[in-house]
Amino acid sequence: MYDNVRIRRSASAQYEELTAYTPELTVLPDVEKAFTKSPVLITQGKSWMKGVGMQVDNRAQTYLLESQAVAVLESKHAKKQKP
C-alpha cells in the first residue's frame, strides 16, 4: 500500500482507538502481519509515538518500532499536577 496509509484499531472496553500513519506498508494477509521501513506515527488517545520502520502482528496485537522511537504516553493512573 502506498501514499498516506492509515491503520486503525477500533476502541474497546480497555483501550482507546489506535491509529498508525505511514507513507507505505507491506501487508501479509495470510499471516496477519505487516511491515514498513518508512517513518511511522501511532496515536492512541492523548498518547503518541513515532519512529522509523515498524512490524505489525495483528494476531498478537503488537506494533514494533524499529528505530528512532520517541513517545509521549498518557497514564490514567498518574496524578495530575495543579497549575
PDB file of N, CA and C in Angstrom:
ATOM      1  N   MET A   1       0.847  -1.151   0.000  1.00  0.00           N
ATOM      2  CA  MET A   1       0.000   0.000   0.000  1.00  0.00           C
ATOM      3  C   MET A   1       0.908   1.233   0.000  1.00  0.00           C
ATOM      4  N   TYR A   2       0.496   2.259  -0.733  1.00  0.00           N
ATOM      5  CA  TYR A   2       1.305   3.463  -0.853  1.00  0.00           C
ATOM      6  C   TYR A   2       0.450   4.705  -0.687  1.00  0.00           C
ATOM      7  N   ASP A   3       1.117   5.820  -0.346  1.00  0.00           N
ATOM      8  CA  ASP A   3       0.503   7.139  -0.262  1.00  0.00           C
ATOM      9  C   ASP A   3      -0.445   7.280   0.924  1.00  0.00           C
ATOM     10  N   ASN A   4       0.113   7.695   2.034  1.00  0.00           N
ATOM     11  CA  ASN A   4      -0.665   8.019   3.230  1.00  0.00           C
ATOM     12  C   ASN A   4      -1.501   6.842   3.732  1.00  0.00           C
ATOM     13  N   VAL A   5      -0.847   5.763   4.096  1.00  0.00           N
ATOM     14  CA  VAL A   5      -1.511   4.568   4.608  1.00  0.00           C
ATOM     15  C   VAL A   5      -1.936   4.819   6.057  1.00  0.00           C
ATOM     16  N   ARG A   6      -3.136   4.382   6.391  1.00  0.00           N
ATOM     17  CA  ARG A   6      -3.640   4.512   7.762  1.00  0.00           C
ATOM     18  C   ARG A   6      -4.092   3.147   8.246  1.00  0.00           C
ATOM     19  N   ILE A   7      -3.606   2.749   9.439  1.00  0.00           N
ATOM     20  CA  ILE A   7      -4.042   1.524  10.107  1.00  0.00           C
ATOM     21  C   ILE A   7      -4.925   1.963  11.267  1.00  0.00           C
ATOM     22  N   ARG A   8      -6.055   1.317  11.452  1.00  0.00           N
ATOM     23  CA  ARG A   8      -6.966   1.704  12.533  1.00  0.00           C
ATOM     24  C   ARG A   8      -7.395   0.472  13.309  1.00  0.00           C
ATOM     25  N   ARG A   9      -7.253   0.546  14.649  1.00  0.00           N
ATOM     26  CA  ARG A   9      -7.805  -0.484  15.528  1.00  0.00           C
ATOM     27  C   ARG A   9      -8.894   0.192  16.345  1.00  0.00           C
ATOM     28  N   SER A  10     -10.099  -0.296  16.235  1.00  0.00           N
ATOM     29  CA  SER A  10     -11.239   0.304  16.925  1.00  0.00           C
ATOM     30  C   SER A  10     -11.044   0.286  18.431  1.00  0.00           C
ATOM     31  N   ALA A  11     -11.695   1.218  19.090  1.00  0.00           N
ATOM     32  CA  ALA A  11     -11.667   1.276  20.554  1.00  0.00           C
ATOM     33  C   ALA A  11     -12.355   0.042  21.128  1.00  0.00           C
ATOM     34  N   SER A  12     -11.913  -0.342  22.322  1.00  0.00           N
ATOM     35  CA  SER A  12     -12.532  -1.465  23.038  1.00  0.00           C
ATOM     36  C   SER A  12     -12.854  -0.992  24.449  1.00  0.00           C
ATOM     37  N   ALA A  13     -13.352  -1.879  25.265  1.00  0.00           N
ATOM     38  CA  ALA A  13     -13.642  -1.536  26.652  1.00  0.00           C
ATOM     39  C   ALA A  13     -12.368  -1.146  27.399  1.00  0.00           C
ATOM     40  N   GLN A  14     -11.225  -1.723  27.002  1.00  0.00           N
ATOM     41  CA  GLN A  14      -9.948  -1.460  27.679  1.00  0.00           C
ATOM     42  C   GLN A  14      -9.131  -0.346  27.049  1.00  0.00           C
ATOM     43  N   TYR A  15      -9.222  -0.172  25.733  1.00  0.00           N
ATOM     44  CA  TYR A  15      -8.309   0.714  25.015  1.00  0.00           C
ATOM     45  C   TYR A  15      -9.051   1.701  24.130  1.00  0.00           C
ATOM     46  N   GLU A  16      -8.455   2.898  24.000  1.00  0.00           N
ATOM     47  CA  GLU A  16      -8.968   3.884  23.061  1.00  0.00           C
ATOM     48  C   GLU A  16      -8.576   3.465  21.636  1.00  0.00           C
ATOM     49  N   GLU A  17      -9.198   4.082  20.657  1.00  0.00           N
ATOM     50  CA  GLU A  17      -8.863   3.792  19.263  1.00  0.00           C
ATOM     51  C   GLU A  17      -7.375   4.044  19.013  1.00  0.00           C
ATOM     52  N   LEU A  18      -6.744   3.179  18.245  1.00  0.00           N
ATOM     53  CA  LEU A  18      -5.343   3.321  17.862  1.00  0.00           C
ATOM     54  C   LEU A  18      -5.291   3.559  16.357  1.00  0.00           C
ATOM     55  N   THR A  19      -4.495   4.549  15.948  1.00  0.00           N
ATOM     56  CA  THR A  19      -4.324   4.831  14.527  1.00  0.00           C
ATOM     57  C   THR A  19      -2.838   4.968  14.230  1.00  0.00           C
ATOM     58  N   ALA A  20      -2.378   4.344  13.166  1.00  0.00           N
ATOM     59  CA  ALA A  20      -0.985   4.448  12.726  1.00  0.00           C
ATOM     60  C   ALA A  20      -0.972   5.013  11.313  1.00  0.00           C
ATOM     61  N   TYR A  21      -0.027   5.920  11.062  1.00  0.00           N
ATOM     62  CA  TYR A  21       0.114   6.561   9.760  1.00  0.00           C
ATOM     63  C   TYR A  21       1.519   6.303   9.241  1.00  0.00           C
ATOM     64  N   THR A  22       1.635   5.956   7.963  1.00  0.00           N
ATOM     65  CA  THR A  22       2.926   5.723   7.319  1.00  0.00           C
ATOM     66  C   THR A  22       2.759   5.939   5.814  1.00  0.00           C
ATOM     67  N   PRO A  23       3.835   6.338   5.118  1.00  0.00           N
ATOM     68  CA  PRO A  23       3.716   6.545   3.674  1.00  0.00           C
ATOM     69  C   PRO A  23       3.495   5.257   2.879  1.00  0.00           C
ATOM     70  N   GLU A  24       4.017   4.123   3.380  1.00  0.00           N
ATOM     71  CA  GLU A  24       3.839   2.852   2.661  1.00  0.00           C
ATOM     72  C   GLU A  24       3.833   1.698   3.649  1.00  0.00           C
ATOM     73  N   LEU A  25       3.161   0.610   3.271  1.00  0.00           N
ATOM     74  CA  LEU A  25       3.028  -0.547   4.159  1.00  0.00           C
ATOM     75  C   LEU A  25       2.893  -1.799   3.300  1.00  0.00           C
ATOM     76  N   THR A  26       3.667  -2.823   3.650  1.00  0.00           N
ATOM     77  CA  THR A  26       3.541  -4.129   3.008  1.00  0.00           C
ATOM     78  C   THR A  26       2.696  -5.002   3.924  1.00  0.00           C
ATOM     79  N   VAL A  27       1.618  -5.570   3.407  1.00  0.00           N
ATOM     80  CA  VAL A  27       0.679  -6.366   4.196  1.00  0.00           C
ATOM     81  C   VAL A  27       0.760  -7.826   3.754  1.00  0.00           C
ATOM     82  N   LEU A  28       0.860  -8.719   4.747  1.00  0.00           N
ATOM     83  CA  LEU A  28       0.878 -10.169   4.503  1.00  0.00           C
ATOM     84  C   LEU A  28      -0.397 -10.751   5.127  1.00  0.00           C
ATOM     85  N   PRO A  29      -1.519 -10.724   4.407  1.00  0.00           N
ATOM     86  CA  PRO A  29      -2.812 -11.097   4.993  1.00  0.00           C
ATOM     87  C   PRO A  29      -2.897 -12.544   5.484  1.00  0.00           C
ATOM     88  N   ASP A  30      -2.201 -13.464   4.833  1.00  0.00           N
ATOM     89  CA  ASP A  30      -2.288 -14.871   5.236  1.00  0.00           C
ATOM     90  C   ASP A  30      -1.721 -15.132   6.629  1.00  0.00           C
ATOM     91  N   VAL A  31      -0.752 -14.319   7.046  1.00  0.00           N
ATOM     92  CA  VAL A  31      -0.152 -14.493   8.374  1.00  0.00           C
ATOM     93  C   VAL A  31      -0.515 -13.340   9.306  1.00  0.00           C
ATOM     94  N   GLU A  32      -1.385 -12.444   8.856  1.00  0.00           N
ATOM     95  CA  GLU A  32      -1.871 -11.298   9.638  1.00  0.00           C
ATOM     96  C   GLU A  32      -0.733 -10.425  10.153  1.00  0.00           C
ATOM     97  N   LYS A  33       0.229 -10.135   9.249  1.00  0.00           N
ATOM     98  CA  LYS A  33       1.354  -9.285   9.601  1.00  0.00           C
ATOM     99  C   LYS A  33       1.532  -8.206   8.545  1.00  0.00           C
ATOM    100  N   ALA A  34       2.241  -7.138   8.936  1.00  0.00           N
ATOM    101  CA  ALA A  34       2.558  -6.052   8.011  1.00  0.00           C
ATOM    102  C   ALA A  34       3.866  -5.423   8.457  1.00  0.00           C
ATOM    103  N   PHE A  35       4.523  -4.709   7.526  1.00  0.00           N
ATOM    104  CA  PHE A  35       5.764  -4.044   7.894  1.00  0.00           C
ATOM    105  C   PHE A  35       6.030  -2.868   6.976  1.00  0.00           C
ATOM    106  N   THR A  36       6.884  -1.960   7.450  1.00  0.00           N
ATOM    107  CA  THR A  36       7.350  -0.827   6.666  1.00  0.00           C
ATOM    108  C   THR A  36       8.740  -0.450   7.134  1.00  0.00           C
ATOM    109  N   LYS A  37       9.504   0.158   6.264  1.00  0.00           N
ATOM    110  CA  LYS A  37      10.813   0.729   6.617  1.00  0.00           C
ATOM    111  C   LYS A  37      10.706   2.256   6.663  1.00  0.00           C
ATOM    112  N   SER A  38       9.520   2.792   6.444  1.00  0.00           N
ATOM    113  CA  SER A  38       9.269   4.229   6.394  1.00  0.00           C
ATOM    114  C   SER A  38       8.980   4.797   7.787  1.00  0.00           C
ATOM    115  N   PRO A  39       8.941   6.129   7.905  1.00  0.00           N
ATOM    116  CA  PRO A  39       8.524   6.757   9.155  1.00  0.00           C
ATOM    117  C   PRO A  39       7.089   6.379   9.511  1.00  0.00           C
ATOM    118  N   VAL A  40       6.818   6.315  10.820  1.00  0.00           N
ATOM    119  CA  VAL A  40       5.500   5.910  11.330  1.00  0.00           C
ATOM    120  C   VAL A  40       5.100   6.839  12.472  1.00  0.00           C
ATOM    121  N   LEU A  41       3.827   7.192  12.539  1.00  0.00           N
ATOM    122  CA  LEU A  41       3.253   7.903  13.674  1.00  0.00           C
ATOM    123  C   LEU A  41       2.076   7.083  14.166  1.00  0.00           C
ATOM    124  N   ILE A  42       2.071   6.751  15.468  1.00  0.00           N
ATOM    125  CA  ILE A  42       0.976   5.993  16.073  1.00  0.00           C
ATOM    126  C   ILE A  42       0.344   6.865  17.156  1.00  0.00           C
ATOM    127  N   THR A  43      -0.980   6.995  17.141  1.00  0.00           N
ATOM    128  CA  THR A  43      -1.686   7.750  18.177  1.00  0.00           C
ATOM    129  C   THR A  43      -2.720   6.850  18.839  1.00  0.00           C
ATOM    130  N   GLN A  44      -2.915   7.089  20.139  1.00  0.00           N
ATOM    131  CA  GLN A  44      -3.956   6.395  20.895  1.00  0.00           C
ATOM    132  C   GLN A  44      -4.368   7.330  22.019  1.00  0.00           C
ATOM    133  N   GLY A  45      -5.560   7.910  21.880  1.00  0.00           N
ATOM    134  CA  GLY A  45      -5.984   8.924  22.846  1.00  0.00           C
ATOM    135  C   GLY A  45      -5.015  10.090  22.789  1.00  0.00           C
ATOM    136  N   LYS A  46      -4.528  10.533  23.954  1.00  0.00           N
ATOM    137  CA  LYS A  46      -3.561  11.627  24.013  1.00  0.00           C
ATOM    138  C   LYS A  46      -2.123  11.136  23.895  1.00  0.00           C
ATOM    139  N   SER A  47      -1.925   9.841  23.811  1.00  0.00           N
ATOM    140  CA  SER A  47      -0.584   9.267  23.671  1.00  0.00           C
ATOM    141  C   SER A  47      -0.200   9.193  22.199  1.00  0.00           C
ATOM    142  N   TRP A  48       1.111   9.319  21.940  1.00  0.00           N
ATOM    143  CA  TRP A  48       1.610   9.162  20.576  1.00  0.00           C
ATOM    144  C   TRP A  48       3.020   8.600  20.618  1.00  0.00           C
ATOM    145  N   MET A  49       3.412   7.952  19.544  1.00  0.00           N
ATOM    146  CA  MET A  49       4.786   7.509  19.378  1.00  0.00           C
ATOM    147  C   MET A  49       5.117   7.558  17.894  1.00  0.00           C
ATOM    148  N   LYS A  50       6.395   7.797  17.615  1.00  0.00           N
ATOM    149  CA  LYS A  50       6.826   7.829  16.216  1.00  0.00           C
ATOM    150  C   LYS A  50       8.202   7.200  16.128  1.00  0.00           C
ATOM    151  N   GLY A  51       8.526   6.734  14.944  1.00  0.00           N
ATOM    152  CA  GLY A  51       9.808   6.106  14.699  1.00  0.00           C
ATOM    153  C   GLY A  51       9.951   5.793  13.228  1.00  0.00           C
ATOM    154  N   VAL A  52      11.002   5.056  12.913  1.00  0.00           N
ATOM    155  CA  VAL A  52      11.249   4.663  11.520  1.00  0.00           C
ATOM    156  C   VAL A  52      11.279   3.145  11.463  1.00  0.00           C
ATOM    157  N   GLY A  53      10.451   2.589  10.613  1.00  0.00           N
ATOM    158  CA  GLY A  53      10.317   1.140  10.493  1.00  0.00           C
ATOM    159  C   GLY A  53       9.350   0.598  11.528  1.00  0.00           C
ATOM    160  N   MET A  54       8.498  -0.324  11.109  1.00  0.00           N
ATOM    161  CA  MET A  54       7.510  -0.899  12.020  1.00  0.00           C
ATOM    162  C   MET A  54       7.165  -2.301  11.569  1.00  0.00           C
ATOM    163  N   GLN A  55       6.956  -3.175  12.552  1.00  0.00           N
ATOM    164  CA  GLN A  55       6.445  -4.513  12.300  1.00  0.00           C
ATOM    165  C   GLN A  55       5.128  -4.648  13.064  1.00  0.00           C
ATOM    166  N   VAL A  56       4.089  -5.098  12.374  1.00  0.00           N
ATOM    167  CA  VAL A  56       2.767  -5.257  12.968  1.00  0.00           C
ATOM    168  C   VAL A  56       2.405  -6.735  12.977  1.00  0.00           C
ATOM    169  N   ASP A  57       1.943  -7.227  14.113  1.00  0.00           N
ATOM    170  CA  ASP A  57       1.420  -8.590  14.227  1.00  0.00           C
ATOM    171  C   ASP A  57      -0.019  -8.468  14.694  1.00  0.00           C
ATOM    172  N   ASN A  58      -0.953  -8.646  13.779  1.00  0.00           N
ATOM    173  CA  ASN A  58      -2.369  -8.462  14.109  1.00  0.00           C
ATOM    174  C   ASN A  58      -2.872  -9.499  15.111  1.00  0.00           C
ATOM    175  N   ARG A  59      -2.409 -10.735  15.006  1.00  0.00           N
ATOM    176  CA  ARG A  59      -2.845 -11.772  15.948  1.00  0.00           C
ATOM    177  C   ARG A  59      -2.421 -11.446  17.378  1.00  0.00           C
ATOM    178  N   ALA A  60      -1.193 -10.989  17.549  1.00  0.00           N
ATOM    179  CA  ALA A  60      -0.682 -10.649  18.886  1.00  0.00           C
ATOM    180  C   ALA A  60      -1.048  -9.223  19.292  1.00  0.00           C
ATOM    181  N   GLN A  61      -1.589  -8.428  18.342  1.00  0.00           N
ATOM    182  CA  GLN A  61      -1.926  -7.028  18.575  1.00  0.00           C
ATOM    183  C   GLN A  61      -0.697  -6.236  19.027  1.00  0.00           C
ATOM    184  N   THR A  62       0.453  -6.431  18.319  1.00  0.00           N
ATOM    185  CA  THR A  62       1.680  -5.717  18.655  1.00  0.00           C
ATOM    186  C   THR A  62       2.145  -4.856  17.493  1.00  0.00           C
ATOM    187  N   TYR A  63       2.773  -3.741  17.858  1.00  0.00           N
ATOM    188  CA  TYR A  63       3.341  -2.797  16.911  1.00  0.00           C
ATOM    189  C   TYR A  63       4.757  -2.523  17.381  1.00  0.00           C
ATOM    190  N   LEU A  64       5.773  -2.914  16.611  1.00  0.00           N
ATOM    191  CA  LEU A  64       7.170  -2.764  16.987  1.00  0.00           C
ATOM    192  C   LEU A  64       7.816  -1.693  16.119  1.00  0.00           C
ATOM    193  N   LEU A  65       8.260  -0.599  16.749  1.00  0.00           N
ATOM    194  CA  LEU A  65       9.001   0.428  16.031  1.00  0.00           C
ATOM    195  C   LEU A  65      10.466   0.015  16.024  1.00  0.00           C
ATOM    196  N   GLU A  66      11.117   0.086  14.850  1.00  0.00           N
ATOM    197  CA  GLU A  66      12.462  -0.455  14.697  1.00  0.00           C
ATOM    198  C   GLU A  66      13.583   0.510  15.061  1.00  0.00           C
ATOM    199  N   SER A  67      13.414   1.811  14.864  1.00  0.00           N
ATOM    200  CA  SER A  67      14.488   2.753  15.179  1.00  0.00           C
ATOM    201  C   SER A  67      13.940   4.158  15.394  1.00  0.00           C
ATOM    202  N   GLN A  68      14.769   5.009  15.989  1.00  0.00           N
ATOM    203  CA  GLN A  68      14.446   6.417  16.222  1.00  0.00           C
ATOM    204  C   GLN A  68      13.100   6.599  16.921  1.00  0.00           C
ATOM    205  N   ALA A  69      12.771   5.697  17.823  1.00  0.00           N
ATOM    206  CA  ALA A  69      11.472   5.742  18.502  1.00  0.00           C
ATOM    207  C   ALA A  69      11.454   6.835  19.571  1.00  0.00           C
ATOM    208  N   VAL A  70      10.384   7.616  19.571  1.00  0.00           N
ATOM    209  CA  VAL A  70      10.125   8.661  20.547  1.00  0.00           C
ATOM    210  C   VAL A  70       8.650   8.562  20.895  1.00  0.00           C
ATOM    211  N   ALA A  71       8.313   8.757  22.184  1.00  0.00           N
ATOM    212  CA  ALA A  71       6.906   8.613  22.572  1.00  0.00           C
ATOM    213  C   ALA A  71       6.545   9.536  23.726  1.00  0.00           C
ATOM    214  N   VAL A  72       5.274   9.893  23.778  1.00  0.00           N
ATOM    215  CA  VAL A  72       4.664  10.547  24.933  1.00  0.00           C
ATOM    216  C   VAL A  72       3.446   9.695  25.261  1.00  0.00           C
ATOM    217  N   LEU A  73       3.464   9.084  26.451  1.00  0.00           N
ATOM    218  CA  LEU A  73       2.398   8.171  26.842  1.00  0.00           C
ATOM    219  C   LEU A  73       1.633   8.745  28.028  1.00  0.00           C
ATOM    220  N   GLU A  74       0.334   8.865  27.871  1.00  0.00           N
ATOM    221  CA  GLU A  74      -0.511   9.364  28.943  1.00  0.00           C
ATOM    222  C   GLU A  74      -0.857   8.208  29.879  1.00  0.00           C
ATOM    223  N   SER A  75      -0.697   8.442  31.176  1.00  0.00           N
ATOM    224  CA  SER A  75      -1.041   7.434  32.177  1.00  0.00           C
ATOM    225  C   SER A  75      -2.369   7.794  32.817  1.00  0.00           C
ATOM    226  N   LYS A  76      -3.281   6.845  32.865  1.00  0.00           N
ATOM    227  CA  LYS A  76      -4.563   7.072  33.526  1.00  0.00           C
ATOM    228  C   LYS A  76      -4.411   7.070  35.042  1.00  0.00           C
ATOM    229  N   HIS A  77      -3.268   6.550  35.528  1.00  0.00           N
ATOM    230  CA  HIS A  77      -3.050   6.414  36.959  1.00  0.00           C
ATOM    231  C   HIS A  77      -2.169   7.523  37.538  1.00  0.00           C
ATOM    232  N   ALA A  78      -1.542   8.326  36.669  1.00  0.00           N
ATOM    233  CA  ALA A  78      -0.663   9.380  37.145  1.00  0.00           C
ATOM    234  C   ALA A  78      -1.482  10.505  37.796  1.00  0.00           C
ATOM    235  N   LYS A  79      -0.939  11.093  38.829  1.00  0.00           N
ATOM    236  CA  LYS A  79      -1.609  12.222  39.470  1.00  0.00           C
ATOM    237  C   LYS A  79      -1.414  13.455  38.618  1.00  0.00           C
ATOM    238  N   LYS A  80      -2.467  14.219  38.445  1.00  0.00           N
ATOM    239  CA  LYS A  80      -2.413  15.449  37.669  1.00  0.00           C
ATOM    240  C   LYS A  80      -1.763  16.525  38.525  1.00  0.00           C
ATOM    241  N   GLN A  81      -0.866  17.315  37.901  1.00  0.00           N
ATOM    242  CA  GLN A  81      -0.241  18.419  38.609  1.00  0.00           C
ATOM    243  C   GLN A  81      -1.176  19.602  38.592  1.00  0.00           C
ATOM    244  N   LYS A  82      -1.201  20.323  39.701  1.00  0.00           N
ATOM    245  CA  LYS A  82      -2.036  21.525  39.781  1.00  0.00           C
ATOM    246  C   LYS A  82      -1.283  22.679  39.153  1.00  0.00           C
ATOM    247  N   PRO A  83      -2.016  23.521  38.386  1.00  0.00           N
ATOM    248  CA  PRO A  83      -1.345  24.661  37.697  1.00  0.00           C
ATOM    249  C   PRO A  83      -0.853  25.689  38.681  1.00  0.00           C
TER     250      PRO A  83
END
